[in-house]
Amino acid sequence: ISKNKIGLNKIGSLEADVIEIKTVP
């Protein structure tokens, strides 16, 4: 939490691969 903008990058993401695809009614 910062009141001042000093240009920091917001880092980090959780990743995974799509393992299944299906269509439902």
mmCIF file of all heavy atoms, coordinates in Angstrom:
data_MODEL
# 
_entry.id   MODEL 
# 
loop_
_atom_site.group_PDB 
_atom_site.id 
_atom_site.type_symbol 
_atom_site.label_atom_id 
_atom_site.label_alt_id 
_atom_site.label_comp_id 
_atom_site.label_asym_id 
_atom_site.label_entity_id 
_atom_site.label_seq_id 
_atom_site.pdbx_PDB_ins_code 
_atom_site.Cartn_x 
_atom_site.Cartn_y 
_atom_site.Cartn_z 
_atom_site.occupancy 
_atom_site.B_iso_or_equiv 
_atom_site.pdbx_formal_charge 
_atom_site.auth_seq_id 
_atom_site.auth_comp_id 
_atom_site.auth_asym_id 
_atom_site.auth_atom_id 
_atom_site.pdbx_PDB_model_num 
ATOM 1   N N   . ILE A 1 1  ? 0.847   -1.193  0.000   1.00 0.00 ? 1  ILE A N   1 
ATOM 2   C CA  . ILE A 1 1  ? 0.000   0.000   0.000   1.00 0.00 ? 1  ILE A CA  1 
ATOM 3   C C   . ILE A 1 1  ? 0.879   1.237   0.000   1.00 0.00 ? 1  ILE A C   1 
ATOM 4   O O   . ILE A 1 1  ? 1.714   1.420   0.885   1.00 0.00 ? 1  ILE A O   1 
ATOM 5   C CB  . ILE A 1 1  ? -0.928  0.014   1.217   1.00 0.00 ? 1  ILE A CB  1 
ATOM 6   C CG1 . ILE A 1 1  ? -1.848  -1.212  1.190   1.00 0.00 ? 1  ILE A CG1 1 
ATOM 7   C CG2 . ILE A 1 1  ? -1.754  1.294   1.269   1.00 0.00 ? 1  ILE A CG2 1 
ATOM 8   C CD1 . ILE A 1 1  ? -2.676  -1.392  2.448   1.00 0.00 ? 1  ILE A CD1 1 
ATOM 9   N N   . SER A 1 2  ? 0.727   2.093   -1.004  1.00 0.00 ? 2  SER A N   1 
ATOM 10  C CA  . SER A 1 2  ? 1.550   3.293   -1.108  1.00 0.00 ? 2  SER A CA  1 
ATOM 11  C C   . SER A 1 2  ? 0.718   4.467   -1.601  1.00 0.00 ? 2  SER A C   1 
ATOM 12  O O   . SER A 1 2  ? -0.069  4.336   -2.536  1.00 0.00 ? 2  SER A O   1 
ATOM 13  C CB  . SER A 1 2  ? 2.715   3.056   -2.071  1.00 0.00 ? 2  SER A CB  1 
ATOM 14  O OG  . SER A 1 2  ? 3.425   4.240   -2.292  1.00 0.00 ? 2  SER A OG  1 
ATOM 15  N N   . LYS A 1 3  ? 0.913   5.604   -0.947  1.00 0.00 ? 3  LYS A N   1 
ATOM 16  C CA  . LYS A 1 3  ? 0.232   6.831   -1.377  1.00 0.00 ? 3  LYS A CA  1 
ATOM 17  C C   . LYS A 1 3  ? 0.961   7.481   -2.545  1.00 0.00 ? 3  LYS A C   1 
ATOM 18  O O   . LYS A 1 3  ? 0.402   8.287   -3.267  1.00 0.00 ? 3  LYS A O   1 
ATOM 19  C CB  . LYS A 1 3  ? 0.158   7.814   -0.206  1.00 0.00 ? 3  LYS A CB  1 
ATOM 20  C CG  . LYS A 1 3  ? -0.564  7.292   1.016   1.00 0.00 ? 3  LYS A CG  1 
ATOM 21  C CD  . LYS A 1 3  ? -0.429  8.252   2.177   1.00 0.00 ? 3  LYS A CD  1 
ATOM 22  C CE  . LYS A 1 3  ? -1.044  7.678   3.454   1.00 0.00 ? 3  LYS A CE  1 
ATOM 23  N NZ  . LYS A 1 3  ? -0.827  8.554   4.626   1.00 0.00 ? 3  LYS A NZ  1 
ATOM 24  N N   . ASN A 1 4  ? 2.241   7.159   -2.682  1.00 0.00 ? 4  ASN A N   1 
ATOM 25  C CA  . ASN A 1 4  ? 3.077   7.787   -3.702  1.00 0.00 ? 4  ASN A CA  1 
ATOM 26  C C   . ASN A 1 4  ? 3.368   6.818   -4.837  1.00 0.00 ? 4  ASN A C   1 
ATOM 27  O O   . ASN A 1 4  ? 3.651   5.648   -4.611  1.00 0.00 ? 4  ASN A O   1 
ATOM 28  C CB  . ASN A 1 4  ? 4.398   8.264   -3.074  1.00 0.00 ? 4  ASN A CB  1 
ATOM 29  C CG  . ASN A 1 4  ? 4.163   9.198   -1.900  1.00 0.00 ? 4  ASN A CG  1 
ATOM 30  O OD1 . ASN A 1 4  ? 3.411   10.156  -2.006  1.00 0.00 ? 4  ASN A OD1 1 
ATOM 31  N ND2 . ASN A 1 4  ? 4.804   8.913   -0.775  1.00 0.00 ? 4  ASN A ND2 1 
ATOM 32  N N   . LYS A 1 5  ? 3.306   7.318   -6.045  1.00 0.00 ? 5  LYS A N   1 
ATOM 33  C CA  . LYS A 1 5  ? 3.574   6.501   -7.218  1.00 0.00 ? 5  LYS A CA  1 
ATOM 34  C C   . LYS A 1 5  ? 5.057   6.638   -7.589  1.00 0.00 ? 5  LYS A C   1 
ATOM 35  O O   . LYS A 1 5  ? 5.501   7.718   -7.986  1.00 0.00 ? 5  LYS A O   1 
ATOM 36  C CB  . LYS A 1 5  ? 2.699   6.952   -8.395  1.00 0.00 ? 5  LYS A CB  1 
ATOM 37  C CG  . LYS A 1 5  ? 1.206   6.936   -8.104  1.00 0.00 ? 5  LYS A CG  1 
ATOM 38  C CD  . LYS A 1 5  ? 0.703   5.538   -7.772  1.00 0.00 ? 5  LYS A CD  1 
ATOM 39  C CE  . LYS A 1 5  ? -0.812  5.530   -7.531  1.00 0.00 ? 5  LYS A CE  1 
ATOM 40  N NZ  . LYS A 1 5  ? -1.301  4.204   -7.140  1.00 0.00 ? 5  LYS A NZ  1 
ATOM 41  N N   . ILE A 1 6  ? 5.819   5.565   -7.410  1.00 0.00 ? 6  ILE A N   1 
ATOM 42  C CA  . ILE A 1 6  ? 7.241   5.638   -7.756  1.00 0.00 ? 6  ILE A CA  1 
ATOM 43  C C   . ILE A 1 6  ? 7.608   4.636   -8.844  1.00 0.00 ? 6  ILE A C   1 
ATOM 44  O O   . ILE A 1 6  ? 8.775   4.391   -9.106  1.00 0.00 ? 6  ILE A O   1 
ATOM 45  C CB  . ILE A 1 6  ? 8.130   5.432   -6.518  1.00 0.00 ? 6  ILE A CB  1 
ATOM 46  C CG1 . ILE A 1 6  ? 7.959   4.033   -5.922  1.00 0.00 ? 6  ILE A CG1 1 
ATOM 47  C CG2 . ILE A 1 6  ? 7.854   6.493   -5.481  1.00 0.00 ? 6  ILE A CG2 1 
ATOM 48  C CD1 . ILE A 1 6  ? 8.988   3.718   -4.853  1.00 0.00 ? 6  ILE A CD1 1 
ATOM 49  N N   . GLY A 1 7  ? 6.590   4.074   -9.487  1.00 0.00 ? 7  GLY A N   1 
ATOM 50  C CA  . GLY A 1 7  ? 6.837   3.249   -10.662 1.00 0.00 ? 7  GLY A CA  1 
ATOM 51  C C   . GLY A 1 7  ? 7.184   1.805   -10.411 1.00 0.00 ? 7  GLY A C   1 
ATOM 52  O O   . GLY A 1 7  ? 7.772   1.142   -11.277 1.00 0.00 ? 7  GLY A O   1 
ATOM 53  N N   . LEU A 1 8  ? 6.814   1.261   -9.259  1.00 0.00 ? 8  LEU A N   1 
ATOM 54  C CA  . LEU A 1 8  ? 7.105   -0.138  -8.987  1.00 0.00 ? 8  LEU A CA  1 
ATOM 55  C C   . LEU A 1 8  ? 6.226   -1.062  -9.833  1.00 0.00 ? 8  LEU A C   1 
ATOM 56  O O   . LEU A 1 8  ? 5.044   -0.791  -10.049 1.00 0.00 ? 8  LEU A O   1 
ATOM 57  C CB  . LEU A 1 8  ? 6.887   -0.461  -7.509  1.00 0.00 ? 8  LEU A CB  1 
ATOM 58  C CG  . LEU A 1 8  ? 7.863   0.165   -6.513  1.00 0.00 ? 8  LEU A CG  1 
ATOM 59  C CD1 . LEU A 1 8  ? 7.421   -0.146  -5.086  1.00 0.00 ? 8  LEU A CD1 1 
ATOM 60  C CD2 . LEU A 1 8  ? 9.278   -0.334  -6.746  1.00 0.00 ? 8  LEU A CD2 1 
ATOM 61  N N   . ASN A 1 9  ? 6.823   -2.144  -10.310 1.00 0.00 ? 9  ASN A N   1 
ATOM 62  C CA  . ASN A 1 9  ? 6.072   -3.160  -11.040 1.00 0.00 ? 9  ASN A CA  1 
ATOM 63  C C   . ASN A 1 9  ? 5.373   -4.096  -10.057 1.00 0.00 ? 9  ASN A C   1 
ATOM 64  O O   . ASN A 1 9  ? 5.975   -4.532  -9.081  1.00 0.00 ? 9  ASN A O   1 
ATOM 65  C CB  . ASN A 1 9  ? 7.029   -3.998  -11.899 1.00 0.00 ? 9  ASN A CB  1 
ATOM 66  C CG  . ASN A 1 9  ? 7.816   -3.181  -12.886 1.00 0.00 ? 9  ASN A CG  1 
ATOM 67  O OD1 . ASN A 1 9  ? 7.247   -2.585  -13.788 1.00 0.00 ? 9  ASN A OD1 1 
ATOM 68  N ND2 . ASN A 1 9  ? 9.136   -3.137  -12.713 1.00 0.00 ? 9  ASN A ND2 1 
ATOM 69  N N   . LYS A 1 10 ? 4.118   -4.393  -10.316 1.00 0.00 ? 10 LYS A N   1 
ATOM 70  C CA  . LYS A 1 10 ? 3.389   -5.379  -9.533  1.00 0.00 ? 10 LYS A CA  1 
ATOM 71  C C   . LYS A 1 10 ? 3.697   -6.754  -10.117 1.00 0.00 ? 10 LYS A C   1 
ATOM 72  O O   . LYS A 1 10 ? 3.313   -7.062  -11.243 1.00 0.00 ? 10 LYS A O   1 
ATOM 73  C CB  . LYS A 1 10 ? 1.887   -5.096  -9.587  1.00 0.00 ? 10 LYS A CB  1 
ATOM 74  C CG  . LYS A 1 10 ? 1.043   -5.999  -8.709  1.00 0.00 ? 10 LYS A CG  1 
ATOM 75  C CD  . LYS A 1 10 ? -0.420  -5.613  -8.834  1.00 0.00 ? 10 LYS A CD  1 
ATOM 76  C CE  . LYS A 1 10 ? -1.318  -6.526  -8.013  1.00 0.00 ? 10 LYS A CE  1 
ATOM 77  N NZ  . LYS A 1 10 ? -2.754  -6.189  -8.184  1.00 0.00 ? 10 LYS A NZ  1 
ATOM 78  N N   . ILE A 1 11 ? 4.419   -7.565  -9.342  1.00 0.00 ? 11 ILE A N   1 
ATOM 79  C CA  . ILE A 1 11 ? 5.035   -8.764  -9.904  1.00 0.00 ? 11 ILE A CA  1 
ATOM 80  C C   . ILE A 1 11 ? 4.378   -10.047 -9.384  1.00 0.00 ? 11 ILE A C   1 
ATOM 81  O O   . ILE A 1 11 ? 3.990   -10.127 -8.230  1.00 0.00 ? 11 ILE A O   1 
ATOM 82  C CB  . ILE A 1 11 ? 6.541   -8.793  -9.565  1.00 0.00 ? 11 ILE A CB  1 
ATOM 83  C CG1 . ILE A 1 11 ? 7.218   -7.537  -10.115 1.00 0.00 ? 11 ILE A CG1 1 
ATOM 84  C CG2 . ILE A 1 11 ? 7.214   -10.021 -10.138 1.00 0.00 ? 11 ILE A CG2 1 
ATOM 85  C CD1 . ILE A 1 11 ? 8.642   -7.365  -9.632  1.00 0.00 ? 11 ILE A CD1 1 
ATOM 86  N N   . GLY A 1 12 ? 4.320   -11.033 -10.253 1.00 0.00 ? 12 GLY A N   1 
ATOM 87  C CA  . GLY A 1 12 ? 3.915   -12.374 -9.853  1.00 0.00 ? 12 GLY A CA  1 
ATOM 88  C C   . GLY A 1 12 ? 2.563   -12.800 -10.390 1.00 0.00 ? 12 GLY A C   1 
ATOM 89  O O   . GLY A 1 12 ? 1.577   -12.057 -10.271 1.00 0.00 ? 12 GLY A O   1 
ATOM 90  N N   . SER A 1 13 ? 2.513   -13.988 -10.974 1.00 0.00 ? 13 SER A N   1 
ATOM 91  C CA  . SER A 1 13 ? 1.238   -14.548 -11.418 1.00 0.00 ? 13 SER A CA  1 
ATOM 92  C C   . SER A 1 13 ? 1.274   -16.067 -11.276 1.00 0.00 ? 13 SER A C   1 
ATOM 93  O O   . SER A 1 13 ? 2.311   -16.710 -11.484 1.00 0.00 ? 13 SER A O   1 
ATOM 94  C CB  . SER A 1 13 ? 0.943   -14.169 -12.871 1.00 0.00 ? 13 SER A CB  1 
ATOM 95  O OG  . SER A 1 13 ? 1.939   -14.682 -13.735 1.00 0.00 ? 13 SER A OG  1 
ATOM 96  N N   . LEU A 1 14 ? 0.132   -16.620 -10.901 1.00 0.00 ? 14 LEU A N   1 
ATOM 97  C CA  . LEU A 1 14 ? -0.021  -18.069 -10.787 1.00 0.00 ? 14 LEU A CA  1 
ATOM 98  C C   . LEU A 1 14 ? -0.452  -18.605 -12.142 1.00 0.00 ? 14 LEU A C   1 
ATOM 99  O O   . LEU A 1 14 ? -1.418  -18.115 -12.728 1.00 0.00 ? 14 LEU A O   1 
ATOM 100 C CB  . LEU A 1 14 ? -1.065  -18.396 -9.723  1.00 0.00 ? 14 LEU A CB  1 
ATOM 101 C CG  . LEU A 1 14 ? -1.334  -19.868 -9.429  1.00 0.00 ? 14 LEU A CG  1 
ATOM 102 C CD1 . LEU A 1 14 ? -0.092  -20.549 -8.865  1.00 0.00 ? 14 LEU A CD1 1 
ATOM 103 C CD2 . LEU A 1 14 ? -2.508  -20.003 -8.466  1.00 0.00 ? 14 LEU A CD2 1 
ATOM 104 N N   . GLU A 1 15 ? 0.280   -19.601 -12.657 1.00 0.00 ? 15 GLU A N   1 
ATOM 105 C CA  . GLU A 1 15 ? -0.003  -20.120 -13.988 1.00 0.00 ? 15 GLU A CA  1 
ATOM 106 C C   . GLU A 1 15 ? -0.228  -21.625 -13.974 1.00 0.00 ? 15 GLU A C   1 
ATOM 107 O O   . GLU A 1 15 ? 0.304   -22.342 -13.122 1.00 0.00 ? 15 GLU A O   1 
ATOM 108 C CB  . GLU A 1 15 ? 1.157   -19.810 -14.946 1.00 0.00 ? 15 GLU A CB  1 
ATOM 109 C CG  . GLU A 1 15 ? 1.346   -18.337 -15.242 1.00 0.00 ? 15 GLU A CG  1 
ATOM 110 C CD  . GLU A 1 15 ? 2.413   -18.105 -16.304 1.00 0.00 ? 15 GLU A CD  1 
ATOM 111 O OE1 . GLU A 1 15 ? 3.019   -19.102 -16.778 1.00 0.00 ? 15 GLU A OE1 1 
ATOM 112 O OE2 . GLU A 1 15 ? 2.639   -16.943 -16.677 1.00 0.00 ? 15 GLU A OE2 1 
ATOM 113 N N   . ALA A 1 16 ? -1.013  -22.072 -14.943 1.00 0.00 ? 16 ALA A N   1 
ATOM 114 C CA  . ALA A 1 16 ? -1.201  -23.507 -15.189 1.00 0.00 ? 16 ALA A CA  1 
ATOM 115 C C   . ALA A 1 16 ? -1.725  -23.652 -16.605 1.00 0.00 ? 16 ALA A C   1 
ATOM 116 O O   . ALA A 1 16 ? -2.247  -22.696 -17.198 1.00 0.00 ? 16 ALA A O   1 
ATOM 117 C CB  . ALA A 1 16 ? -2.176  -24.117 -14.196 1.00 0.00 ? 16 ALA A CB  1 
ATOM 118 N N   . ASP A 1 17 ? -1.603  -24.833 -17.164 1.00 0.00 ? 17 ASP A N   1 
ATOM 119 C CA  . ASP A 1 17 ? -2.067  -25.074 -18.528 1.00 0.00 ? 17 ASP A CA  1 
ATOM 120 C C   . ASP A 1 17 ? -3.500  -25.601 -18.525 1.00 0.00 ? 17 ASP A C   1 
ATOM 121 O O   . ASP A 1 17 ? -3.899  -26.339 -17.617 1.00 0.00 ? 17 ASP A O   1 
ATOM 122 C CB  . ASP A 1 17 ? -1.167  -26.093 -19.225 1.00 0.00 ? 17 ASP A CB  1 
ATOM 123 C CG  . ASP A 1 17 ? 0.266   -25.611 -19.324 1.00 0.00 ? 17 ASP A CG  1 
ATOM 124 O OD1 . ASP A 1 17 ? 0.472   -24.386 -19.410 1.00 0.00 ? 17 ASP A OD1 1 
ATOM 125 O OD2 . ASP A 1 17 ? 1.176   -26.458 -19.304 1.00 0.00 ? 17 ASP A OD2 1 
ATOM 126 N N   . VAL A 1 18 ? -4.258  -25.223 -19.531 1.00 0.00 ? 18 VAL A N   1 
ATOM 127 C CA  . VAL A 1 18 ? -5.607  -25.771 -19.712 1.00 0.00 ? 18 VAL A CA  1 
ATOM 128 C C   . VAL A 1 18 ? -5.466  -27.270 -19.989 1.00 0.00 ? 18 VAL A C   1 
ATOM 129 O O   . VAL A 1 18 ? -4.744  -27.681 -20.900 1.00 0.00 ? 18 VAL A O   1 
ATOM 130 C CB  . VAL A 1 18 ? -6.325  -25.073 -20.885 1.00 0.00 ? 18 VAL A CB  1 
ATOM 131 C CG1 . VAL A 1 18 ? -7.667  -25.764 -21.172 1.00 0.00 ? 18 VAL A CG1 1 
ATOM 132 C CG2 . VAL A 1 18 ? -6.525  -23.597 -20.585 1.00 0.00 ? 18 VAL A CG2 1 
ATOM 133 N N   . ILE A 1 19 ? -6.151  -28.100 -19.180 1.00 0.00 ? 19 ILE A N   1 
ATOM 134 C CA  . ILE A 1 19 ? -5.983  -29.558 -19.321 1.00 0.00 ? 19 ILE A CA  1 
ATOM 135 C C   . ILE A 1 19 ? -7.216  -30.268 -19.896 1.00 0.00 ? 19 ILE A C   1 
ATOM 136 O O   . ILE A 1 19 ? -7.129  -31.430 -20.290 1.00 0.00 ? 19 ILE A O   1 
ATOM 137 C CB  . ILE A 1 19 ? -5.615  -30.200 -17.972 1.00 0.00 ? 19 ILE A CB  1 
ATOM 138 C CG1 . ILE A 1 19 ? -6.700  -29.928 -16.918 1.00 0.00 ? 19 ILE A CG1 1 
ATOM 139 C CG2 . ILE A 1 19 ? -4.257  -29.709 -17.492 1.00 0.00 ? 19 ILE A CG2 1 
ATOM 140 C CD1 . ILE A 1 19 ? -6.513  -30.722 -15.633 1.00 0.00 ? 19 ILE A CD1 1 
ATOM 141 N N   . GLU A 1 20 ? -8.350  -29.537 -19.951 1.00 0.00 ? 20 GLU A N   1 
ATOM 142 C CA  . GLU A 1 20 ? -9.559  -30.165 -20.482 1.00 0.00 ? 20 GLU A CA  1 
ATOM 143 C C   . GLU A 1 20 ? -10.505 -29.079 -20.973 1.00 0.00 ? 20 GLU A C   1 
ATOM 144 O O   . GLU A 1 20 ? -10.542 -27.970 -20.420 1.00 0.00 ? 20 GLU A O   1 
ATOM 145 C CB  . GLU A 1 20 ? -10.240 -30.999 -19.389 1.00 0.00 ? 20 GLU A CB  1 
ATOM 146 C CG  . GLU A 1 20 ? -11.512 -31.707 -19.802 1.00 0.00 ? 20 GLU A CG  1 
ATOM 147 C CD  . GLU A 1 20 ? -11.299 -32.788 -20.852 1.00 0.00 ? 20 GLU A CD  1 
ATOM 148 O OE1 . GLU A 1 20 ? -11.112 -32.404 -22.029 1.00 0.00 ? 20 GLU A OE1 1 
ATOM 149 O OE2 . GLU A 1 20 ? -11.312 -33.976 -20.497 1.00 0.00 ? 20 GLU A OE2 1 
ATOM 150 N N   . ILE A 1 21 ? -11.236 -29.388 -22.030 1.00 0.00 ? 21 ILE A N   1 
ATOM 151 C CA  . ILE A 1 21 ? -12.253 -28.477 -22.552 1.00 0.00 ? 21 ILE A CA  1 
ATOM 152 C C   . ILE A 1 21 ? -13.515 -29.298 -22.813 1.00 0.00 ? 21 ILE A C   1 
ATOM 153 O O   . ILE A 1 21 ? -13.448 -30.409 -23.357 1.00 0.00 ? 21 ILE A O   1 
ATOM 154 C CB  . ILE A 1 21 ? -11.784 -27.790 -23.854 1.00 0.00 ? 21 ILE A CB  1 
ATOM 155 C CG1 . ILE A 1 21 ? -10.625 -26.822 -23.567 1.00 0.00 ? 21 ILE A CG1 1 
ATOM 156 C CG2 . ILE A 1 21 ? -12.939 -27.041 -24.526 1.00 0.00 ? 21 ILE A CG2 1 
ATOM 157 C CD1 . ILE A 1 21 ? -10.018 -26.197 -24.810 1.00 0.00 ? 21 ILE A CD1 1 
ATOM 158 N N   . LYS A 1 22 ? -14.665 -28.763 -22.407 1.00 0.00 ? 22 LYS A N   1 
ATOM 159 C CA  . LYS A 1 22 ? -15.926 -29.460 -22.641 1.00 0.00 ? 22 LYS A CA  1 
ATOM 160 C C   . LYS A 1 22 ? -17.032 -28.443 -22.870 1.00 0.00 ? 22 LYS A C   1 
ATOM 161 O O   . LYS A 1 22 ? -16.900 -27.271 -22.504 1.00 0.00 ? 22 LYS A O   1 
ATOM 162 C CB  . LYS A 1 22 ? -16.272 -30.359 -21.454 1.00 0.00 ? 22 LYS A CB  1 
ATOM 163 C CG  . LYS A 1 22 ? -16.535 -29.605 -20.165 1.00 0.00 ? 22 LYS A CG  1 
ATOM 164 C CD  . LYS A 1 22 ? -16.717 -30.543 -18.987 1.00 0.00 ? 22 LYS A CD  1 
ATOM 165 C CE  . LYS A 1 22 ? -17.909 -31.441 -19.127 1.00 0.00 ? 22 LYS A CE  1 
ATOM 166 N NZ  . LYS A 1 22 ? -18.102 -32.320 -17.951 1.00 0.00 ? 22 LYS A NZ  1 
ATOM 167 N N   . THR A 1 23 ? -18.113 -28.904 -23.462 1.00 0.00 ? 23 THR A N   1 
ATOM 168 C CA  . THR A 1 23 ? -19.280 -28.049 -23.698 1.00 0.00 ? 23 THR A CA  1 
ATOM 169 C C   . THR A 1 23 ? -20.470 -28.647 -22.959 1.00 0.00 ? 23 THR A C   1 
ATOM 170 O O   . THR A 1 23 ? -20.724 -29.863 -23.057 1.00 0.00 ? 23 THR A O   1 
ATOM 171 C CB  . THR A 1 23 ? -19.589 -27.938 -25.202 1.00 0.00 ? 23 THR A CB  1 
ATOM 172 O OG1 . THR A 1 23 ? -18.467 -27.361 -25.871 1.00 0.00 ? 23 THR A OG1 1 
ATOM 173 C CG2 . THR A 1 23 ? -20.813 -27.058 -25.428 1.00 0.00 ? 23 THR A CG2 1 
ATOM 174 N N   . VAL A 1 24 ? -21.180 -27.801 -22.202 1.00 0.00 ? 24 VAL A N   1 
ATOM 175 C CA  . VAL A 1 24 ? -22.328 -28.265 -21.431 1.00 0.00 ? 24 VAL A CA  1 
ATOM 176 C C   . VAL A 1 24 ? -23.569 -27.492 -21.881 1.00 0.00 ? 24 VAL A C   1 
ATOM 177 O O   . VAL A 1 24 ? -23.476 -26.368 -22.389 1.00 0.00 ? 24 VAL A O   1 
ATOM 178 C CB  . VAL A 1 24 ? -22.106 -28.076 -19.914 1.00 0.00 ? 24 VAL A CB  1 
ATOM 179 C CG1 . VAL A 1 24 ? -20.899 -28.876 -19.452 1.00 0.00 ? 24 VAL A CG1 1 
ATOM 180 C CG2 . VAL A 1 24 ? -21.943 -26.604 -19.557 1.00 0.00 ? 24 VAL A CG2 1 
ATOM 181 N N   . PRO A 1 25 ? -24.763 -28.067 -21.715 1.00 0.00 ? 25 PRO A N   1 
ATOM 182 C CA  . PRO A 1 25 ? -25.986 -27.403 -22.166 1.00 0.00 ? 25 PRO A CA  1 
ATOM 183 C C   . PRO A 1 25 ? -26.443 -26.305 -21.208 1.00 0.00 ? 25 PRO A C   1 
ATOM 184 O O   . PRO A 1 25 ? -25.933 -26.160 -20.101 1.00 0.00 ? 25 PRO A O   1 
ATOM 185 C CB  . PRO A 1 25 ? -26.999 -28.547 -22.189 1.00 0.00 ? 25 PRO A CB  1 
ATOM 186 C CG  . PRO A 1 25 ? -26.517 -29.474 -21.124 1.00 0.00 ? 25 PRO A CG  1 
ATOM 187 C CD  . PRO A 1 25 ? -25.026 -29.422 -21.185 1.00 0.00 ? 25 PRO A CD  1 
# 
